N, C-alpha and C. Protein backbone atom coordinates (compact mmCIF):
# COMPACT_ATOMS: atom_id res chain seq x y z
N MET A 1 -17.72 -22.29 7.05
CA MET A 1 -19.09 -21.92 7.40
C MET A 1 -19.14 -20.48 7.91
N GLN A 2 -18.15 -20.13 8.77
CA GLN A 2 -18.15 -18.78 9.31
C GLN A 2 -17.93 -17.75 8.22
N HIS A 3 -17.04 -18.07 7.27
CA HIS A 3 -16.79 -17.15 6.15
C HIS A 3 -18.05 -16.95 5.34
N GLN A 4 -18.78 -18.02 5.08
CA GLN A 4 -20.00 -17.92 4.28
C GLN A 4 -21.08 -17.14 5.02
N LEU A 5 -21.18 -17.36 6.33
CA LEU A 5 -22.15 -16.62 7.13
C LEU A 5 -21.82 -15.13 7.13
N ASN A 6 -20.54 -14.80 7.26
CA ASN A 6 -20.13 -13.39 7.21
C ASN A 6 -20.45 -12.77 5.85
N GLU A 7 -20.29 -13.57 4.79
CA GLU A 7 -20.57 -13.06 3.45
C GLU A 7 -22.05 -12.78 3.27
N ILE A 8 -22.90 -13.67 3.78
CA ILE A 8 -24.35 -13.45 3.72
C ILE A 8 -24.72 -12.19 4.48
N SER A 9 -24.14 -12.05 5.66
CA SER A 9 -24.41 -10.86 6.48
C SER A 9 -24.00 -9.59 5.75
N GLU A 10 -22.86 -9.64 5.07
CA GLU A 10 -22.38 -8.48 4.32
C GLU A 10 -23.31 -8.15 3.17
N GLN A 11 -23.82 -9.18 2.48
CA GLN A 11 -24.71 -8.95 1.35
C GLN A 11 -26.06 -8.40 1.80
N ILE A 12 -26.52 -8.82 3.00
CA ILE A 12 -27.75 -8.25 3.53
C ILE A 12 -27.57 -6.76 3.77
N SER A 13 -26.38 -6.38 4.26
CA SER A 13 -26.08 -4.96 4.44
C SER A 13 -26.09 -4.24 3.10
N ASN A 14 -25.52 -4.89 2.07
CA ASN A 14 -25.49 -4.28 0.74
C ASN A 14 -26.90 -4.06 0.21
N LEU A 15 -27.81 -4.97 0.53
CA LEU A 15 -29.18 -4.86 0.06
C LEU A 15 -29.81 -3.55 0.55
N SER A 16 -29.45 -3.15 1.77
CA SER A 16 -29.99 -1.90 2.31
C SER A 16 -29.54 -0.71 1.49
N SER A 17 -28.26 -0.66 1.15
CA SER A 17 -27.73 0.49 0.43
C SER A 17 -28.21 0.53 -1.01
N LEU A 18 -28.61 -0.60 -1.56
CA LEU A 18 -29.07 -0.64 -2.95
C LEU A 18 -30.51 -0.14 -3.08
N VAL A 19 -31.27 -0.12 -2.03
CA VAL A 19 -32.66 0.37 -2.08
C VAL A 19 -32.62 1.87 -1.96
N PHE A 20 -32.29 2.77 -1.66
CA PHE A 20 -32.07 4.18 -1.61
C PHE A 20 -31.72 4.64 -0.19
N SER A 21 -31.25 5.87 -0.11
CA SER A 21 -30.90 6.44 1.19
C SER A 21 -32.18 6.72 1.97
N ILE A 22 -32.17 6.41 3.24
CA ILE A 22 -33.37 6.63 4.05
C ILE A 22 -33.29 7.97 4.76
N GLU A 23 -34.44 8.53 5.07
CA GLU A 23 -34.49 9.75 5.86
C GLU A 23 -34.52 9.37 7.33
N GLN A 24 -33.72 10.04 8.13
CA GLN A 24 -33.64 9.73 9.55
C GLN A 24 -34.81 10.36 10.31
N GLY A 25 -35.07 9.82 11.45
CA GLY A 25 -36.04 10.41 12.36
C GLY A 25 -37.46 9.94 12.18
N GLN A 26 -37.72 9.02 11.24
CA GLN A 26 -39.08 8.53 11.02
C GLN A 26 -39.22 7.17 11.70
N TYR A 27 -39.67 7.18 12.94
CA TYR A 27 -39.76 5.95 13.72
C TYR A 27 -41.20 5.66 14.12
N ASP A 28 -41.56 4.40 14.13
CA ASP A 28 -42.81 3.98 14.73
C ASP A 28 -42.50 2.73 15.53
N ASP A 29 -43.51 1.96 15.90
CA ASP A 29 -43.25 0.81 16.77
C ASP A 29 -42.38 -0.24 16.08
N ARG A 30 -42.47 -0.36 14.76
CA ARG A 30 -41.64 -1.33 14.05
C ARG A 30 -40.17 -0.94 14.13
N PHE A 31 -39.88 0.34 13.88
CA PHE A 31 -38.50 0.79 13.87
C PHE A 31 -37.91 0.83 15.28
N SER A 32 -38.71 1.25 16.25
CA SER A 32 -38.21 1.28 17.63
C SER A 32 -37.97 -0.13 18.14
N GLY A 33 -38.67 -1.12 17.58
CA GLY A 33 -38.44 -2.51 17.96
C GLY A 33 -37.01 -2.94 17.66
N PHE A 34 -36.47 -2.47 16.53
CA PHE A 34 -35.09 -2.77 16.19
C PHE A 34 -34.14 -2.16 17.21
N LEU A 35 -34.36 -0.90 17.58
CA LEU A 35 -33.47 -0.21 18.52
C LEU A 35 -33.50 -0.89 19.88
N SER A 36 -34.69 -1.30 20.32
CA SER A 36 -34.83 -1.98 21.60
C SER A 36 -34.10 -3.32 21.59
N SER A 37 -34.29 -4.09 20.51
CA SER A 37 -33.64 -5.40 20.41
C SER A 37 -32.13 -5.28 20.34
N ARG A 38 -31.66 -4.28 19.63
CA ARG A 38 -30.21 -4.08 19.52
C ARG A 38 -29.59 -3.80 20.88
N GLN A 39 -30.26 -2.93 21.66
CA GLN A 39 -29.74 -2.60 22.98
C GLN A 39 -29.74 -3.83 23.89
N THR A 40 -30.83 -4.60 23.83
CA THR A 40 -30.93 -5.82 24.66
C THR A 40 -29.84 -6.81 24.28
N LEU A 41 -29.57 -6.95 22.98
CA LEU A 41 -28.55 -7.88 22.53
C LEU A 41 -27.16 -7.44 22.98
N ILE A 42 -26.88 -6.16 22.86
CA ILE A 42 -25.58 -5.64 23.28
C ILE A 42 -25.36 -5.91 24.77
N GLU A 43 -26.39 -5.66 25.57
CA GLU A 43 -26.28 -5.89 27.01
C GLU A 43 -26.06 -7.38 27.30
N GLY A 44 -26.73 -8.23 26.51
CA GLY A 44 -26.55 -9.66 26.70
C GLY A 44 -25.15 -10.12 26.36
N LEU A 45 -24.62 -9.61 25.27
CA LEU A 45 -23.30 -10.04 24.81
C LEU A 45 -22.19 -9.64 25.77
N ILE A 46 -22.36 -8.54 26.48
CA ILE A 46 -21.31 -8.08 27.37
C ILE A 46 -21.54 -8.51 28.82
N SER A 47 -22.64 -9.21 29.08
CA SER A 47 -22.93 -9.65 30.44
C SER A 47 -21.93 -10.71 30.89
N SER A 48 -21.48 -10.60 32.14
CA SER A 48 -20.52 -11.57 32.69
C SER A 48 -21.21 -12.78 33.30
N ASP A 49 -22.52 -12.65 33.55
CA ASP A 49 -23.28 -13.76 34.12
C ASP A 49 -23.89 -14.59 33.00
N THR A 50 -23.63 -15.88 33.00
CA THR A 50 -24.06 -16.76 31.91
C THR A 50 -25.57 -16.76 31.74
N GLN A 51 -26.31 -16.88 32.85
CA GLN A 51 -27.76 -16.93 32.75
C GLN A 51 -28.34 -15.60 32.29
N THR A 52 -27.81 -14.50 32.80
CA THR A 52 -28.27 -13.17 32.37
C THR A 52 -27.99 -12.98 30.89
N ARG A 53 -26.81 -13.41 30.45
CA ARG A 53 -26.43 -13.29 29.04
C ARG A 53 -27.43 -14.03 28.15
N LYS A 54 -27.74 -15.28 28.52
CA LYS A 54 -28.66 -16.07 27.71
C LYS A 54 -30.05 -15.47 27.71
N THR A 55 -30.53 -15.01 28.88
CA THR A 55 -31.87 -14.44 28.99
C THR A 55 -32.01 -13.20 28.12
N LEU A 56 -31.02 -12.33 28.17
CA LEU A 56 -31.08 -11.09 27.39
C LEU A 56 -31.01 -11.38 25.89
N ILE A 57 -30.17 -12.30 25.48
CA ILE A 57 -30.06 -12.64 24.05
C ILE A 57 -31.36 -13.25 23.55
N LEU A 58 -31.96 -14.14 24.34
CA LEU A 58 -33.24 -14.74 23.94
C LEU A 58 -34.34 -13.69 23.87
N SER A 59 -34.32 -12.74 24.80
CA SER A 59 -35.31 -11.66 24.77
C SER A 59 -35.16 -10.82 23.50
N SER A 60 -33.92 -10.58 23.12
CA SER A 60 -33.66 -9.84 21.88
C SER A 60 -34.21 -10.59 20.68
N ILE A 61 -34.05 -11.90 20.64
CA ILE A 61 -34.54 -12.71 19.53
C ILE A 61 -36.07 -12.64 19.43
N VAL A 62 -36.74 -12.73 20.58
CA VAL A 62 -38.21 -12.65 20.59
C VAL A 62 -38.67 -11.31 20.03
N ASN A 63 -38.03 -10.22 20.49
CA ASN A 63 -38.39 -8.89 20.00
C ASN A 63 -38.06 -8.75 18.51
N ASN A 64 -36.92 -9.31 18.11
CA ASN A 64 -36.54 -9.27 16.69
C ASN A 64 -37.61 -9.93 15.82
N ASN A 65 -38.04 -11.12 16.21
CA ASN A 65 -39.00 -11.86 15.39
C ASN A 65 -40.33 -11.13 15.28
N GLU A 66 -40.74 -10.47 16.36
CA GLU A 66 -41.98 -9.69 16.30
C GLU A 66 -41.82 -8.51 15.34
N THR A 67 -40.68 -7.84 15.43
CA THR A 67 -40.41 -6.71 14.53
C THR A 67 -40.31 -7.17 13.09
N ILE A 68 -39.63 -8.28 12.85
CA ILE A 68 -39.48 -8.82 11.50
C ILE A 68 -40.84 -9.14 10.89
N GLY A 69 -41.70 -9.77 11.68
CA GLY A 69 -43.03 -10.11 11.18
C GLY A 69 -43.83 -8.88 10.78
N LYS A 70 -43.80 -7.84 11.61
CA LYS A 70 -44.52 -6.60 11.29
C LYS A 70 -43.97 -5.95 10.03
N LEU A 71 -42.64 -5.90 9.94
CA LEU A 71 -42.02 -5.26 8.78
C LEU A 71 -42.32 -6.03 7.49
N MET A 72 -42.24 -7.35 7.55
CA MET A 72 -42.50 -8.15 6.35
C MET A 72 -43.93 -7.98 5.88
N PHE A 73 -44.87 -7.97 6.81
CA PHE A 73 -46.28 -7.81 6.45
C PHE A 73 -46.52 -6.46 5.79
N SER A 74 -45.97 -5.41 6.39
CA SER A 74 -46.16 -4.07 5.85
C SER A 74 -45.45 -3.90 4.51
N LEU A 75 -44.26 -4.45 4.40
CA LEU A 75 -43.50 -4.33 3.16
C LEU A 75 -44.19 -5.03 1.99
N ARG A 76 -44.80 -6.16 2.27
CA ARG A 76 -45.54 -6.86 1.21
C ARG A 76 -46.66 -5.99 0.66
N ARG A 77 -47.38 -5.33 1.58
CA ARG A 77 -48.47 -4.45 1.17
C ARG A 77 -47.95 -3.25 0.38
N GLU A 78 -46.90 -2.63 0.89
CA GLU A 78 -46.35 -1.45 0.22
C GLU A 78 -45.73 -1.81 -1.13
N ALA A 79 -45.14 -2.98 -1.23
CA ALA A 79 -44.54 -3.42 -2.50
C ALA A 79 -45.62 -3.56 -3.57
N ASN A 80 -46.77 -4.12 -3.17
CA ASN A 80 -47.86 -4.28 -4.13
C ASN A 80 -48.38 -2.92 -4.61
N LEU A 81 -48.40 -1.94 -3.70
CA LEU A 81 -48.82 -0.60 -4.09
C LEU A 81 -47.80 0.05 -5.01
N PHE A 82 -46.54 -0.14 -4.71
CA PHE A 82 -45.47 0.51 -5.46
C PHE A 82 -45.45 0.07 -6.93
N ILE A 83 -45.71 -1.21 -7.17
CA ILE A 83 -45.63 -1.71 -8.54
C ILE A 83 -46.97 -1.69 -9.26
N ASN A 84 -48.02 -1.23 -8.57
CA ASN A 84 -49.35 -1.16 -9.18
C ASN A 84 -49.42 0.07 -10.10
N PRO A 85 -49.61 -0.11 -11.41
CA PRO A 85 -49.63 1.03 -12.33
C PRO A 85 -50.86 1.92 -12.16
N ASN A 86 -51.84 1.45 -11.41
CA ASN A 86 -53.08 2.21 -11.27
C ASN A 86 -53.08 3.17 -10.08
N VAL A 87 -52.06 3.09 -9.22
CA VAL A 87 -52.04 3.99 -8.07
C VAL A 87 -51.53 5.36 -8.49
N SER A 88 -51.88 6.37 -7.71
CA SER A 88 -51.45 7.74 -8.02
C SER A 88 -49.96 7.90 -7.75
N THR A 89 -49.39 8.92 -8.36
CA THR A 89 -47.98 9.20 -8.15
C THR A 89 -47.69 9.49 -6.68
N GLU A 90 -48.58 10.22 -6.05
CA GLU A 90 -48.40 10.55 -4.64
C GLU A 90 -48.40 9.29 -3.77
N GLN A 91 -49.31 8.38 -4.06
CA GLN A 91 -49.39 7.15 -3.30
C GLN A 91 -48.16 6.28 -3.54
N ALA A 92 -47.70 6.25 -4.79
CA ALA A 92 -46.50 5.48 -5.12
C ALA A 92 -45.28 6.04 -4.40
N ASN A 93 -45.20 7.36 -4.32
CA ASN A 93 -44.08 8.00 -3.61
C ASN A 93 -44.10 7.68 -2.12
N GLU A 94 -45.31 7.66 -1.55
CA GLU A 94 -45.43 7.31 -0.14
C GLU A 94 -45.01 5.87 0.11
N SER A 95 -45.41 4.98 -0.79
CA SER A 95 -45.03 3.58 -0.66
C SER A 95 -43.53 3.42 -0.80
N GLU A 96 -42.94 4.16 -1.71
CA GLU A 96 -41.50 4.10 -1.92
C GLU A 96 -40.76 4.54 -0.67
N HIS A 97 -41.24 5.63 -0.06
CA HIS A 97 -40.59 6.12 1.15
C HIS A 97 -40.64 5.07 2.26
N PHE A 98 -41.79 4.41 2.40
CA PHE A 98 -41.93 3.39 3.42
C PHE A 98 -41.03 2.19 3.11
N LEU A 99 -40.93 1.83 1.84
CA LEU A 99 -40.05 0.73 1.46
C LEU A 99 -38.60 1.06 1.80
N ASN A 100 -38.19 2.29 1.56
CA ASN A 100 -36.82 2.70 1.85
C ASN A 100 -36.46 2.41 3.29
N GLU A 101 -37.25 2.95 4.19
CA GLU A 101 -36.94 2.83 5.61
C GLU A 101 -37.13 1.40 6.10
N SER A 102 -38.21 0.78 5.70
CA SER A 102 -38.55 -0.53 6.24
C SER A 102 -37.56 -1.61 5.80
N PHE A 103 -37.09 -1.55 4.55
CA PHE A 103 -36.10 -2.52 4.11
C PHE A 103 -34.82 -2.39 4.92
N TRP A 104 -34.44 -1.15 5.20
CA TRP A 104 -33.23 -0.93 5.97
C TRP A 104 -33.36 -1.55 7.35
N TYR A 105 -34.48 -1.26 8.02
CA TYR A 105 -34.68 -1.79 9.36
C TYR A 105 -34.85 -3.31 9.35
N LEU A 106 -35.50 -3.84 8.34
CA LEU A 106 -35.66 -5.30 8.25
C LEU A 106 -34.30 -5.97 8.13
N ASN A 107 -33.46 -5.47 7.24
CA ASN A 107 -32.15 -6.08 7.05
C ASN A 107 -31.29 -6.01 8.31
N GLN A 108 -31.36 -4.88 9.01
CA GLN A 108 -30.60 -4.75 10.25
C GLN A 108 -31.12 -5.69 11.33
N THR A 109 -32.45 -5.85 11.40
CA THR A 109 -33.02 -6.74 12.41
C THR A 109 -32.69 -8.20 12.12
N ILE A 110 -32.67 -8.57 10.85
CA ILE A 110 -32.25 -9.92 10.47
C ILE A 110 -30.83 -10.16 10.94
N GLN A 111 -29.96 -9.18 10.77
CA GLN A 111 -28.58 -9.34 11.19
C GLN A 111 -28.47 -9.48 12.71
N LEU A 112 -29.32 -8.79 13.45
CA LEU A 112 -29.33 -8.97 14.91
C LEU A 112 -29.62 -10.41 15.27
N ASN A 113 -30.57 -11.03 14.57
CA ASN A 113 -30.88 -12.43 14.83
C ASN A 113 -29.69 -13.34 14.52
N LEU A 114 -28.99 -13.06 13.43
CA LEU A 114 -27.82 -13.87 13.09
C LEU A 114 -26.77 -13.78 14.20
N ILE A 115 -26.53 -12.57 14.68
CA ILE A 115 -25.56 -12.37 15.75
C ILE A 115 -26.00 -13.11 17.01
N ALA A 116 -27.28 -13.01 17.33
CA ALA A 116 -27.80 -13.64 18.55
C ALA A 116 -27.66 -15.16 18.49
N TYR A 117 -28.06 -15.76 17.38
CA TYR A 117 -28.00 -17.22 17.27
C TYR A 117 -26.56 -17.73 17.22
N VAL A 118 -25.68 -16.97 16.59
CA VAL A 118 -24.27 -17.36 16.58
C VAL A 118 -23.70 -17.30 17.99
N ALA A 119 -24.07 -16.26 18.74
CA ALA A 119 -23.59 -16.12 20.12
C ALA A 119 -24.06 -17.29 20.98
N LEU A 120 -25.25 -17.80 20.70
CA LEU A 120 -25.78 -18.94 21.45
C LEU A 120 -25.29 -20.27 20.91
N GLY A 121 -24.68 -20.26 19.72
CA GLY A 121 -24.24 -21.50 19.09
C GLY A 121 -25.40 -22.35 18.60
N GLU A 122 -26.50 -21.69 18.22
CA GLU A 122 -27.71 -22.39 17.78
C GLU A 122 -27.83 -22.33 16.26
N ILE A 123 -27.48 -23.42 15.60
CA ILE A 123 -27.48 -23.42 14.14
C ILE A 123 -28.85 -23.65 13.54
N ARG A 124 -29.69 -24.46 14.16
CA ARG A 124 -31.01 -24.73 13.58
C ARG A 124 -31.88 -23.47 13.53
N PRO A 125 -32.03 -22.74 14.64
CA PRO A 125 -32.79 -21.50 14.56
C PRO A 125 -32.17 -20.49 13.60
N LEU A 126 -30.83 -20.47 13.53
CA LEU A 126 -30.16 -19.55 12.61
C LEU A 126 -30.54 -19.84 11.17
N THR A 127 -30.49 -21.12 10.79
CA THR A 127 -30.84 -21.46 9.41
C THR A 127 -32.33 -21.24 9.15
N ALA A 128 -33.16 -21.45 10.18
CA ALA A 128 -34.60 -21.19 10.02
C ALA A 128 -34.85 -19.71 9.78
N SER A 129 -34.12 -18.86 10.51
CA SER A 129 -34.25 -17.42 10.33
C SER A 129 -33.83 -17.00 8.93
N LEU A 130 -32.72 -17.56 8.46
CA LEU A 130 -32.24 -17.25 7.11
C LEU A 130 -33.22 -17.74 6.05
N ASN A 131 -33.77 -18.94 6.24
CA ASN A 131 -34.72 -19.47 5.26
C ASN A 131 -36.00 -18.63 5.20
N ASN A 132 -36.42 -18.12 6.36
CA ASN A 132 -37.59 -17.24 6.39
C ASN A 132 -37.32 -15.96 5.61
N TYR A 133 -36.12 -15.42 5.78
CA TYR A 133 -35.74 -14.21 5.06
C TYR A 133 -35.63 -14.49 3.56
N LYS A 134 -35.08 -15.64 3.22
CA LYS A 134 -34.96 -16.05 1.82
C LYS A 134 -36.34 -16.12 1.17
N ALA A 135 -37.30 -16.71 1.87
CA ALA A 135 -38.66 -16.83 1.33
C ALA A 135 -39.27 -15.45 1.12
N PHE A 136 -39.01 -14.54 2.05
CA PHE A 136 -39.53 -13.18 1.92
C PHE A 136 -38.94 -12.48 0.70
N ILE A 137 -37.62 -12.60 0.51
CA ILE A 137 -36.97 -11.99 -0.65
C ILE A 137 -37.58 -12.52 -1.94
N GLU A 138 -37.77 -13.84 -2.00
CA GLU A 138 -38.31 -14.45 -3.21
C GLU A 138 -39.75 -14.00 -3.47
N GLN A 139 -40.54 -13.88 -2.40
CA GLN A 139 -41.95 -13.55 -2.56
C GLN A 139 -42.19 -12.06 -2.82
N VAL A 140 -41.33 -11.20 -2.28
CA VAL A 140 -41.54 -9.76 -2.41
C VAL A 140 -40.63 -9.14 -3.46
N LEU A 141 -39.34 -9.39 -3.39
CA LEU A 141 -38.40 -8.77 -4.33
C LEU A 141 -38.33 -9.47 -5.67
N LEU A 142 -38.52 -10.79 -5.69
CA LEU A 142 -38.23 -11.56 -6.90
C LEU A 142 -39.44 -12.18 -7.57
N THR A 143 -40.64 -11.95 -7.05
CA THR A 143 -41.84 -12.49 -7.68
C THR A 143 -42.32 -11.51 -8.76
N SER A 144 -42.62 -12.02 -9.93
CA SER A 144 -43.01 -11.18 -11.07
C SER A 144 -44.46 -10.74 -10.97
N ASP A 145 -44.73 -9.53 -11.43
CA ASP A 145 -46.11 -9.05 -11.50
C ASP A 145 -46.74 -9.54 -12.80
N LYS A 146 -47.92 -9.03 -13.13
CA LYS A 146 -48.63 -9.50 -14.32
C LYS A 146 -47.90 -9.15 -15.61
N ASN A 147 -46.98 -8.20 -15.52
CA ASN A 147 -46.19 -7.81 -16.68
C ASN A 147 -44.83 -8.51 -16.74
N GLY A 148 -44.63 -9.44 -15.81
CA GLY A 148 -43.38 -10.18 -15.80
C GLY A 148 -42.21 -9.45 -15.17
N LYS A 149 -42.50 -8.36 -14.44
CA LYS A 149 -41.45 -7.56 -13.81
C LYS A 149 -41.50 -7.72 -12.29
N THR A 150 -40.34 -7.83 -11.68
CA THR A 150 -40.27 -7.97 -10.22
C THR A 150 -40.14 -6.60 -9.56
N LEU A 151 -40.36 -6.57 -8.23
CA LEU A 151 -40.18 -5.33 -7.49
C LEU A 151 -38.73 -4.86 -7.61
N SER A 152 -37.78 -5.79 -7.52
CA SER A 152 -36.37 -5.40 -7.65
C SER A 152 -36.10 -4.81 -9.03
N TRP A 153 -36.76 -5.32 -10.06
CA TRP A 153 -36.58 -4.77 -11.41
C TRP A 153 -37.10 -3.33 -11.45
N HIS A 154 -38.29 -3.10 -10.86
CA HIS A 154 -38.86 -1.76 -10.85
C HIS A 154 -37.92 -0.79 -10.13
N ILE A 155 -37.37 -1.21 -9.00
CA ILE A 155 -36.46 -0.34 -8.25
C ILE A 155 -35.19 -0.09 -9.03
N ASP A 156 -34.62 -1.14 -9.61
CA ASP A 156 -33.37 -1.00 -10.36
C ASP A 156 -33.54 -0.11 -11.58
N ASN A 157 -34.73 -0.07 -12.15
CA ASN A 157 -34.93 0.66 -13.39
C ASN A 157 -35.65 2.00 -13.21
N THR A 158 -35.93 2.36 -11.98
CA THR A 158 -36.63 3.62 -11.73
C THR A 158 -35.69 4.70 -11.22
N HIS A 159 -34.63 4.30 -10.52
CA HIS A 159 -33.79 5.29 -9.85
C HIS A 159 -32.35 5.23 -10.33
N VAL A 160 -31.80 6.41 -10.55
CA VAL A 160 -30.42 6.53 -10.96
C VAL A 160 -29.52 6.24 -9.76
N GLY A 161 -28.47 5.48 -9.99
CA GLY A 161 -27.49 5.25 -8.94
C GLY A 161 -27.54 3.86 -8.35
N ASN A 162 -28.61 3.12 -8.56
CA ASN A 162 -28.68 1.77 -8.03
C ASN A 162 -27.91 0.77 -8.88
N GLN A 163 -27.63 1.15 -10.12
CA GLN A 163 -26.78 0.36 -11.02
C GLN A 163 -27.36 -1.02 -11.32
N GLY A 164 -28.65 -1.18 -11.13
CA GLY A 164 -29.30 -2.43 -11.49
C GLY A 164 -28.86 -3.64 -10.71
N LYS A 165 -28.42 -3.44 -9.46
CA LYS A 165 -27.85 -4.54 -8.69
C LYS A 165 -28.75 -5.11 -7.62
N LEU A 166 -29.90 -4.50 -7.37
CA LEU A 166 -30.76 -5.00 -6.31
C LEU A 166 -31.23 -6.42 -6.60
N GLY A 167 -31.70 -6.66 -7.82
CA GLY A 167 -32.15 -7.99 -8.18
C GLY A 167 -31.04 -9.02 -8.11
N LEU A 168 -29.85 -8.65 -8.59
CA LEU A 168 -28.71 -9.56 -8.55
C LEU A 168 -28.30 -9.88 -7.12
N THR A 169 -28.29 -8.86 -6.28
CA THR A 169 -27.92 -9.07 -4.88
C THR A 169 -28.94 -9.95 -4.17
N ALA A 170 -30.22 -9.71 -4.43
CA ALA A 170 -31.27 -10.51 -3.81
C ALA A 170 -31.14 -11.98 -4.20
N ARG A 171 -30.88 -12.24 -5.48
CA ARG A 171 -30.72 -13.63 -5.92
C ARG A 171 -29.45 -14.25 -5.35
N TYR A 172 -28.41 -13.45 -5.23
CA TYR A 172 -27.16 -13.96 -4.67
C TYR A 172 -27.35 -14.37 -3.21
N ILE A 173 -28.11 -13.55 -2.45
CA ILE A 173 -28.36 -13.88 -1.05
C ILE A 173 -29.12 -15.20 -0.93
N THR A 174 -30.14 -15.39 -1.75
CA THR A 174 -30.92 -16.63 -1.67
C THR A 174 -30.05 -17.84 -2.00
N THR A 175 -29.15 -17.69 -2.96
CA THR A 175 -28.23 -18.78 -3.31
C THR A 175 -27.28 -19.08 -2.16
N GLN A 176 -26.75 -18.02 -1.54
CA GLN A 176 -25.82 -18.19 -0.43
C GLN A 176 -26.49 -18.85 0.78
N ILE A 177 -27.73 -18.47 1.04
CA ILE A 177 -28.46 -19.07 2.16
C ILE A 177 -28.66 -20.56 1.90
N ASP A 178 -29.04 -20.91 0.68
CA ASP A 178 -29.19 -22.32 0.33
C ASP A 178 -27.89 -23.08 0.55
N GLY A 179 -26.80 -22.48 0.13
CA GLY A 179 -25.50 -23.13 0.26
C GLY A 179 -25.10 -23.32 1.71
N LEU A 180 -25.34 -22.31 2.55
CA LEU A 180 -24.98 -22.41 3.96
C LEU A 180 -25.80 -23.48 4.67
N VAL A 181 -27.10 -23.51 4.39
CA VAL A 181 -27.97 -24.49 5.04
C VAL A 181 -27.54 -25.91 4.66
N LYS A 182 -27.22 -26.13 3.41
CA LYS A 182 -26.79 -27.46 2.98
C LYS A 182 -25.44 -27.83 3.57
N LYS A 183 -24.54 -26.86 3.64
CA LYS A 183 -23.19 -27.14 4.13
C LYS A 183 -23.19 -27.48 5.61
N THR A 184 -23.93 -26.74 6.39
CA THR A 184 -23.92 -26.97 7.83
C THR A 184 -24.64 -28.27 8.20
N ASN A 185 -25.69 -28.58 7.45
CA ASN A 185 -26.45 -29.80 7.71
C ASN A 185 -26.83 -29.90 9.18
N TYR A 186 -27.19 -28.74 9.74
CA TYR A 186 -27.61 -28.63 11.14
C TYR A 186 -26.53 -29.03 12.14
N LYS A 187 -25.27 -28.83 11.79
CA LYS A 187 -24.19 -29.07 12.74
C LYS A 187 -23.95 -27.83 13.57
N GLN A 188 -23.30 -28.02 14.70
CA GLN A 188 -23.01 -26.89 15.58
C GLN A 188 -22.03 -25.94 14.91
N LEU A 189 -22.32 -24.64 15.00
CA LEU A 189 -21.44 -23.64 14.42
C LEU A 189 -20.31 -23.36 15.39
N GLU A 190 -19.08 -23.44 14.92
CA GLU A 190 -17.92 -23.25 15.79
C GLU A 190 -17.26 -21.91 15.50
N GLY A 191 -16.71 -21.32 16.54
CA GLY A 191 -16.00 -20.05 16.39
C GLY A 191 -16.92 -18.91 16.03
N GLY A 192 -18.21 -19.05 16.28
CA GLY A 192 -19.17 -18.04 15.85
C GLY A 192 -19.10 -16.73 16.59
N SER A 193 -18.53 -16.74 17.79
CA SER A 193 -18.52 -15.51 18.57
C SER A 193 -17.72 -14.41 17.92
N ASN A 194 -16.92 -14.74 16.93
CA ASN A 194 -16.12 -13.73 16.23
C ASN A 194 -16.98 -12.71 15.51
N ILE A 195 -18.22 -13.06 15.21
CA ILE A 195 -19.07 -12.16 14.44
C ILE A 195 -19.71 -11.08 15.33
N ASP A 196 -19.75 -11.31 16.63
CA ASP A 196 -20.53 -10.45 17.53
C ASP A 196 -20.17 -8.97 17.43
N THR A 197 -19.01 -8.60 17.95
CA THR A 197 -18.65 -7.19 18.00
C THR A 197 -18.37 -6.64 16.61
N GLN A 198 -17.86 -7.48 15.73
CA GLN A 198 -17.56 -7.02 14.37
C GLN A 198 -18.81 -6.51 13.67
N LYS A 199 -19.90 -7.26 13.75
CA LYS A 199 -21.12 -6.87 13.06
C LYS A 199 -21.88 -5.78 13.83
N LEU A 200 -21.80 -5.79 15.15
CA LEU A 200 -22.52 -4.78 15.92
C LEU A 200 -21.96 -3.38 15.66
N ARG A 201 -20.69 -3.28 15.33
CA ARG A 201 -20.11 -1.97 15.05
C ARG A 201 -20.74 -1.34 13.82
N ASN A 202 -21.27 -2.16 12.93
CA ASN A 202 -21.82 -1.64 11.67
C ASN A 202 -23.33 -1.41 11.74
N LEU A 203 -23.97 -1.71 12.86
CA LEU A 203 -25.43 -1.60 12.94
C LEU A 203 -25.82 -0.23 13.49
C-alpha cells in the first residue's frame, strides 16, 4: 500500500511537469494558501508535543481543502476558455498561463494532504481526498469537448516538449487511485510516516 501511495504521489508530481514550466512570483490568495499550509504542516510534523502536532496538521488540512476548492473552481473555468475555439488568442494565452501555475499549485497542495493524512494514520480521509482529485482529473483533463477532444489532448498537441504524456499520466493516476482505494478497503495505513520528510523535500 505504501509503495502504491508513493507511486501515486510521484505521478502527481509528474503531472505538474507535463503541463509547462511556470513563471515564478505570480501569487494570489490561492497560491499563498499552499505556502501557508506547507509551513503549518512542517511545523506540525516536527512538533514534539502530540496535541500540538495533531492541531497543526489538522489546520494544514483545513487550509489545503480551501485552497484546493478555489483552485479546482478556477481551473475548470480557465480550462473551458482554453479549449473554446471562439476565444481570442490573447484570452487563450492568459488562460494557459493561469492553467500552468494553478495546476502546479493544485498538485502540490494535494500532496500536502496525502502527507498530512498519512502522518495522522487516517486512511478514509486520504482515500476521499484522492477520489476527489480523481473526479477533478476526469471532469477537467479527460472530459471531451464537442469535437471529441479533451483538455489533456489540446495541451499534448499544442506544445512542443510535452511528448503527448499528459493524458496518459492523468489516466494512469485515476487507475492507481482506484487500485489503492480497493486494496486498502479502508484499513489503517501502516508505516506511513516514511513519506513525510521524503515528500516534503520535493515540495
